Amino acid sequence: MKLSAISIAIVIAGIAGTAFAAGQGKTMQSVTVMGAPAAECVPPNDHTGHACDAFNQLVRANFTRREIGMLFGASTSYPEYVTGGVDRLQRRYQVVLQEYVAAQQQANNANVAGK
């Protein structure tokens, strides 16, 4: 039984290797990767005139300084880490982040449509 399983694995590996080698001469279609605009804006900072001002203001409006510390600092140093409060806070942050990204995408689509 073990010998047949090993034999099958060797055959599958050989087929996969052959398929991989056959595709080496082909060029894949290019892909454009766009990151979330908010991903570059964490953690919130006090710099003004920065492209992330709107996101930083949104974070400050929705979270206390302590919560911001738990989100972007060492969350293990807070008692909420043990009680699950940090997990709830991170889920809340994800909701706010998704709403922000959706609003930014709508604004960008409106700007593109208006041109």
N, C-alpha and C. Protein backbone atom coordinates (compact mmCIF):
# COMPACT_ATOMS: atom_id res chain seq x y z
N MET A 1 0.82 -1.19 0.00
CA MET A 1 0.00 0.00 0.00
C MET A 1 0.86 1.26 0.00
N LYS A 2 1.90 1.27 0.84
CA LYS A 2 2.76 2.44 0.90
C LYS A 2 3.50 2.63 -0.41
N LEU A 3 3.91 1.53 -1.02
CA LEU A 3 4.65 1.60 -2.28
C LEU A 3 3.78 2.17 -3.39
N SER A 4 2.51 1.80 -3.43
CA SER A 4 1.63 2.32 -4.48
C SER A 4 1.34 3.80 -4.24
N ALA A 5 1.21 4.22 -3.00
CA ALA A 5 0.98 5.63 -2.70
C ALA A 5 2.19 6.47 -3.10
N ILE A 6 3.37 5.95 -2.85
CA ILE A 6 4.60 6.65 -3.24
C ILE A 6 4.70 6.71 -4.75
N SER A 7 4.37 5.62 -5.42
CA SER A 7 4.42 5.59 -6.89
C SER A 7 3.45 6.60 -7.49
N ILE A 8 2.25 6.67 -6.93
CA ILE A 8 1.26 7.63 -7.42
C ILE A 8 1.77 9.06 -7.20
N ALA A 9 2.35 9.33 -6.05
CA ALA A 9 2.88 10.66 -5.77
C ALA A 9 3.99 11.04 -6.74
N ILE A 10 4.84 10.08 -7.09
CA ILE A 10 5.93 10.35 -8.04
C ILE A 10 5.37 10.65 -9.42
N VAL A 11 4.35 9.89 -9.85
CA VAL A 11 3.74 10.11 -11.16
C VAL A 11 3.08 11.49 -11.20
N ILE A 12 2.35 11.85 -10.14
CA ILE A 12 1.69 13.16 -10.10
C ILE A 12 2.72 14.28 -10.12
N ALA A 13 3.81 14.12 -9.39
CA ALA A 13 4.87 15.13 -9.39
C ALA A 13 5.48 15.26 -10.77
N GLY A 14 5.66 14.15 -11.46
CA GLY A 14 6.21 14.19 -12.81
C GLY A 14 5.30 14.90 -13.78
N ILE A 15 4.00 14.63 -13.67
CA ILE A 15 3.03 15.29 -14.55
C ILE A 15 3.00 16.79 -14.27
N ALA A 16 3.01 17.15 -13.00
CA ALA A 16 3.00 18.57 -12.63
C ALA A 16 4.27 19.26 -13.13
N GLY A 17 5.40 18.60 -13.01
CA GLY A 17 6.67 19.17 -13.49
C GLY A 17 6.66 19.36 -14.99
N THR A 18 6.11 18.41 -15.70
CA THR A 18 6.03 18.51 -17.16
C THR A 18 5.12 19.66 -17.56
N ALA A 19 3.97 19.78 -16.89
CA ALA A 19 3.05 20.86 -17.18
C ALA A 19 3.68 22.22 -16.88
N PHE A 20 4.43 22.29 -15.81
CA PHE A 20 5.11 23.53 -15.44
C PHE A 20 6.16 23.89 -16.48
N ALA A 21 6.94 22.93 -16.91
CA ALA A 21 8.00 23.18 -17.89
C ALA A 21 7.40 23.59 -19.23
N ALA A 22 6.24 23.05 -19.58
CA ALA A 22 5.61 23.39 -20.86
C ALA A 22 5.15 24.84 -20.88
N GLY A 23 4.79 25.38 -19.75
CA GLY A 23 4.29 26.75 -19.69
C GLY A 23 5.37 27.79 -19.51
N GLN A 24 6.62 27.42 -19.47
CA GLN A 24 7.70 28.37 -19.21
C GLN A 24 7.90 29.38 -20.33
N GLY A 25 7.61 29.01 -21.56
CA GLY A 25 7.82 29.92 -22.68
C GLY A 25 6.71 30.94 -22.84
N LYS A 26 5.62 30.79 -22.15
CA LYS A 26 4.47 31.68 -22.28
C LYS A 26 4.62 32.87 -21.35
N THR A 27 4.10 34.02 -21.78
CA THR A 27 4.11 35.22 -20.96
C THR A 27 2.73 35.42 -20.37
N MET A 28 2.69 35.62 -19.08
CA MET A 28 1.40 35.84 -18.43
C MET A 28 0.94 37.27 -18.65
N GLN A 29 -0.35 37.45 -18.63
CA GLN A 29 -0.93 38.77 -18.78
C GLN A 29 -0.53 39.63 -17.58
N SER A 30 -0.23 40.90 -17.83
CA SER A 30 0.18 41.77 -16.73
C SER A 30 -0.98 42.06 -15.80
N VAL A 31 -0.66 42.28 -14.54
CA VAL A 31 -1.67 42.53 -13.52
C VAL A 31 -1.32 43.84 -12.83
N THR A 32 -2.31 44.69 -12.66
CA THR A 32 -2.12 45.93 -11.93
C THR A 32 -2.67 45.75 -10.52
N VAL A 33 -1.83 45.98 -9.54
CA VAL A 33 -2.24 45.80 -8.15
C VAL A 33 -2.46 47.17 -7.55
N MET A 34 -3.64 47.33 -6.96
CA MET A 34 -3.94 48.59 -6.29
C MET A 34 -4.17 48.29 -4.81
N GLY A 35 -3.44 48.96 -3.97
CA GLY A 35 -3.61 48.77 -2.53
C GLY A 35 -4.71 49.66 -2.01
N ALA A 36 -5.21 49.30 -0.88
CA ALA A 36 -6.22 50.14 -0.24
C ALA A 36 -5.55 51.44 0.19
N PRO A 37 -6.16 52.57 -0.09
CA PRO A 37 -5.52 53.85 0.27
C PRO A 37 -5.27 53.98 1.76
N ALA A 38 -6.11 53.36 2.56
CA ALA A 38 -5.94 53.47 4.01
C ALA A 38 -4.77 52.64 4.51
N ALA A 39 -4.35 51.64 3.74
CA ALA A 39 -3.27 50.77 4.18
C ALA A 39 -1.97 51.54 4.38
N GLU A 40 -1.81 52.62 3.64
CA GLU A 40 -0.60 53.43 3.75
C GLU A 40 -0.71 54.46 4.87
N CYS A 41 -1.86 54.57 5.49
CA CYS A 41 -2.12 55.64 6.45
C CYS A 41 -2.11 55.18 7.90
N VAL A 42 -1.67 54.00 8.19
CA VAL A 42 -1.70 53.53 9.57
C VAL A 42 -0.30 53.52 10.13
N PRO A 43 -0.11 53.79 11.38
CA PRO A 43 -1.10 54.27 12.33
C PRO A 43 -1.36 55.75 12.15
N PRO A 44 -2.47 56.24 12.70
CA PRO A 44 -2.77 57.66 12.58
C PRO A 44 -1.65 58.50 13.20
N ASN A 45 -1.35 59.60 12.55
CA ASN A 45 -0.32 60.48 13.09
C ASN A 45 -0.82 61.92 13.07
N ASP A 46 -0.03 62.79 13.61
CA ASP A 46 -0.43 64.19 13.75
C ASP A 46 0.07 65.08 12.63
N HIS A 47 0.70 64.54 11.62
CA HIS A 47 1.20 65.35 10.51
C HIS A 47 0.03 65.95 9.74
N THR A 48 0.12 67.23 9.45
CA THR A 48 -0.93 67.88 8.68
C THR A 48 -0.46 68.04 7.24
N GLY A 49 -1.42 68.20 6.35
CA GLY A 49 -1.08 68.35 4.94
C GLY A 49 -0.69 67.03 4.30
N HIS A 50 -0.97 65.96 4.94
CA HIS A 50 -0.61 64.63 4.46
C HIS A 50 -1.80 64.04 3.71
N ALA A 51 -1.55 63.16 2.79
CA ALA A 51 -2.62 62.54 2.01
C ALA A 51 -3.56 61.70 2.86
N CYS A 52 -3.13 61.35 4.05
CA CYS A 52 -3.93 60.48 4.93
C CYS A 52 -4.75 61.25 5.95
N ASP A 53 -4.83 62.54 5.83
CA ASP A 53 -5.54 63.35 6.83
C ASP A 53 -6.98 62.90 7.03
N ALA A 54 -7.70 62.64 5.95
CA ALA A 54 -9.11 62.25 6.07
C ALA A 54 -9.24 60.93 6.82
N PHE A 55 -8.37 59.99 6.51
CA PHE A 55 -8.43 58.71 7.20
C PHE A 55 -8.07 58.86 8.67
N ASN A 56 -7.04 59.63 8.96
CA ASN A 56 -6.64 59.85 10.35
C ASN A 56 -7.75 60.52 11.15
N GLN A 57 -8.43 61.48 10.55
CA GLN A 57 -9.55 62.14 11.22
C GLN A 57 -10.70 61.16 11.47
N LEU A 58 -10.94 60.28 10.50
CA LEU A 58 -11.99 59.28 10.66
C LEU A 58 -11.67 58.33 11.81
N VAL A 59 -10.42 57.90 11.90
CA VAL A 59 -10.02 57.01 12.99
C VAL A 59 -10.17 57.71 14.33
N ARG A 60 -9.73 58.96 14.40
CA ARG A 60 -9.84 59.70 15.67
C ARG A 60 -11.29 59.97 16.05
N ALA A 61 -12.16 60.13 15.06
CA ALA A 61 -13.57 60.38 15.35
C ALA A 61 -14.28 59.12 15.84
N ASN A 62 -13.80 57.96 15.45
CA ASN A 62 -14.48 56.71 15.79
C ASN A 62 -13.85 55.93 16.93
N PHE A 63 -12.61 56.28 17.32
CA PHE A 63 -11.90 55.51 18.34
C PHE A 63 -11.23 56.45 19.33
N THR A 64 -11.18 56.04 20.58
CA THR A 64 -10.50 56.82 21.61
C THR A 64 -8.98 56.62 21.46
N ARG A 65 -8.22 57.43 22.19
CA ARG A 65 -6.76 57.28 22.15
C ARG A 65 -6.34 55.90 22.62
N ARG A 66 -7.03 55.40 23.64
CA ARG A 66 -6.72 54.07 24.16
C ARG A 66 -6.99 53.00 23.10
N GLU A 67 -8.13 53.12 22.42
CA GLU A 67 -8.46 52.16 21.36
C GLU A 67 -7.47 52.23 20.21
N ILE A 68 -7.04 53.44 19.87
CA ILE A 68 -6.03 53.59 18.82
C ILE A 68 -4.74 52.92 19.25
N GLY A 69 -4.40 53.05 20.53
CA GLY A 69 -3.22 52.37 21.05
C GLY A 69 -3.33 50.86 20.95
N MET A 70 -4.54 50.34 21.22
CA MET A 70 -4.74 48.90 21.12
C MET A 70 -4.69 48.44 19.66
N LEU A 71 -5.20 49.26 18.74
CA LEU A 71 -5.22 48.88 17.34
C LEU A 71 -3.84 48.92 16.69
N PHE A 72 -3.07 49.95 17.00
CA PHE A 72 -1.82 50.17 16.28
C PHE A 72 -0.58 50.00 17.14
N GLY A 73 -0.76 49.78 18.42
CA GLY A 73 0.37 49.58 19.32
C GLY A 73 0.48 48.13 19.74
N ALA A 74 1.07 47.93 20.88
CA ALA A 74 1.24 46.58 21.41
C ALA A 74 -0.04 46.19 22.14
N SER A 75 -0.93 45.51 21.45
CA SER A 75 -2.24 45.18 22.03
C SER A 75 -2.14 44.22 23.20
N THR A 76 -1.06 43.46 23.27
CA THR A 76 -0.91 42.50 24.36
C THR A 76 -0.70 43.18 25.71
N SER A 77 -0.37 44.45 25.71
CA SER A 77 -0.13 45.14 26.98
C SER A 77 -1.42 45.65 27.62
N TYR A 78 -2.54 45.47 26.94
CA TYR A 78 -3.82 45.93 27.47
C TYR A 78 -4.59 44.76 28.08
N PRO A 79 -5.31 44.99 29.18
CA PRO A 79 -6.09 43.91 29.78
C PRO A 79 -7.16 43.36 28.84
N GLU A 80 -7.64 44.19 27.93
CA GLU A 80 -8.67 43.76 26.98
C GLU A 80 -8.18 42.64 26.06
N TYR A 81 -6.87 42.51 25.94
CA TYR A 81 -6.30 41.45 25.10
C TYR A 81 -6.73 40.08 25.61
N VAL A 82 -6.78 39.92 26.93
CA VAL A 82 -7.14 38.65 27.54
C VAL A 82 -8.65 38.41 27.48
N THR A 83 -9.43 39.47 27.61
CA THR A 83 -10.88 39.32 27.69
C THR A 83 -11.57 39.31 26.33
N GLY A 84 -10.82 39.50 25.26
CA GLY A 84 -11.41 39.50 23.92
C GLY A 84 -11.83 40.86 23.44
N GLY A 85 -11.60 41.89 24.22
CA GLY A 85 -11.97 43.24 23.82
C GLY A 85 -11.21 43.72 22.61
N VAL A 86 -9.98 43.29 22.47
CA VAL A 86 -9.17 43.71 21.32
C VAL A 86 -9.73 43.10 20.04
N ASP A 87 -10.20 41.87 20.11
CA ASP A 87 -10.80 41.24 18.93
C ASP A 87 -12.04 41.99 18.47
N ARG A 88 -12.89 42.37 19.42
CA ARG A 88 -14.09 43.14 19.08
C ARG A 88 -13.70 44.49 18.49
N LEU A 89 -12.70 45.11 19.07
CA LEU A 89 -12.22 46.40 18.58
C LEU A 89 -11.67 46.27 17.17
N GLN A 90 -10.93 45.23 16.89
CA GLN A 90 -10.38 45.02 15.55
C GLN A 90 -11.49 44.78 14.53
N ARG A 91 -12.53 44.07 14.92
CA ARG A 91 -13.66 43.87 14.01
C ARG A 91 -14.35 45.20 13.72
N ARG A 92 -14.51 46.03 14.77
CA ARG A 92 -15.11 47.35 14.58
C ARG A 92 -14.25 48.22 13.66
N TYR A 93 -12.94 48.14 13.84
CA TYR A 93 -12.02 48.89 12.98
C TYR A 93 -12.14 48.41 11.53
N GLN A 94 -12.26 47.11 11.32
CA GLN A 94 -12.39 46.59 9.96
C GLN A 94 -13.65 47.12 9.29
N VAL A 95 -14.74 47.24 10.04
CA VAL A 95 -15.98 47.79 9.49
C VAL A 95 -15.78 49.24 9.09
N VAL A 96 -15.15 50.03 9.95
CA VAL A 96 -14.89 51.44 9.64
C VAL A 96 -13.96 51.54 8.43
N LEU A 97 -12.94 50.71 8.38
CA LEU A 97 -12.00 50.71 7.26
C LEU A 97 -12.70 50.35 5.96
N GLN A 98 -13.56 49.35 5.97
CA GLN A 98 -14.28 48.96 4.75
C GLN A 98 -15.20 50.08 4.28
N GLU A 99 -15.86 50.76 5.22
CA GLU A 99 -16.73 51.87 4.85
C GLU A 99 -15.91 53.00 4.23
N TYR A 100 -14.73 53.27 4.79
CA TYR A 100 -13.86 54.31 4.27
C TYR A 100 -13.40 53.98 2.85
N VAL A 101 -12.94 52.75 2.66
CA VAL A 101 -12.45 52.33 1.33
C VAL A 101 -13.59 52.39 0.32
N ALA A 102 -14.79 51.95 0.70
CA ALA A 102 -15.93 52.00 -0.21
C ALA A 102 -16.27 53.43 -0.58
N ALA A 103 -16.22 54.34 0.39
CA ALA A 103 -16.50 55.74 0.12
C ALA A 103 -15.43 56.33 -0.81
N GLN A 104 -14.18 55.96 -0.60
CA GLN A 104 -13.11 56.45 -1.47
C GLN A 104 -13.27 55.93 -2.90
N GLN A 105 -13.66 54.67 -3.04
CA GLN A 105 -13.86 54.11 -4.37
C GLN A 105 -15.02 54.78 -5.08
N GLN A 106 -16.10 55.07 -4.34
CA GLN A 106 -17.23 55.76 -4.94
C GLN A 106 -16.83 57.16 -5.38
N ALA A 107 -16.04 57.83 -4.56
CA ALA A 107 -15.58 59.18 -4.91
C ALA A 107 -14.68 59.13 -6.15
N ASN A 108 -13.81 58.14 -6.20
CA ASN A 108 -12.92 58.01 -7.37
C ASN A 108 -13.71 57.68 -8.62
N ASN A 109 -14.72 56.82 -8.50
CA ASN A 109 -15.55 56.48 -9.65
C ASN A 109 -16.35 57.68 -10.12
N ALA A 110 -16.83 58.51 -9.18
CA ALA A 110 -17.57 59.72 -9.53
C ALA A 110 -16.65 60.71 -10.23
N ASN A 111 -15.38 60.82 -9.78
CA ASN A 111 -14.43 61.72 -10.42
C ASN A 111 -14.11 61.26 -11.83
N VAL A 112 -13.95 59.95 -12.00
CA VAL A 112 -13.64 59.42 -13.32
C VAL A 112 -14.83 59.59 -14.26
N ALA A 113 -16.03 59.36 -13.77
CA ALA A 113 -17.22 59.48 -14.60
C ALA A 113 -17.47 60.93 -14.99
N GLY A 114 -17.09 61.87 -14.15
CA GLY A 114 -17.30 63.28 -14.42
C GLY A 114 -16.31 63.87 -15.42
N LYS A 115 -15.25 63.13 -15.72
CA LYS A 115 -14.22 63.67 -16.64
C LYS A 115 -14.58 63.46 -18.06
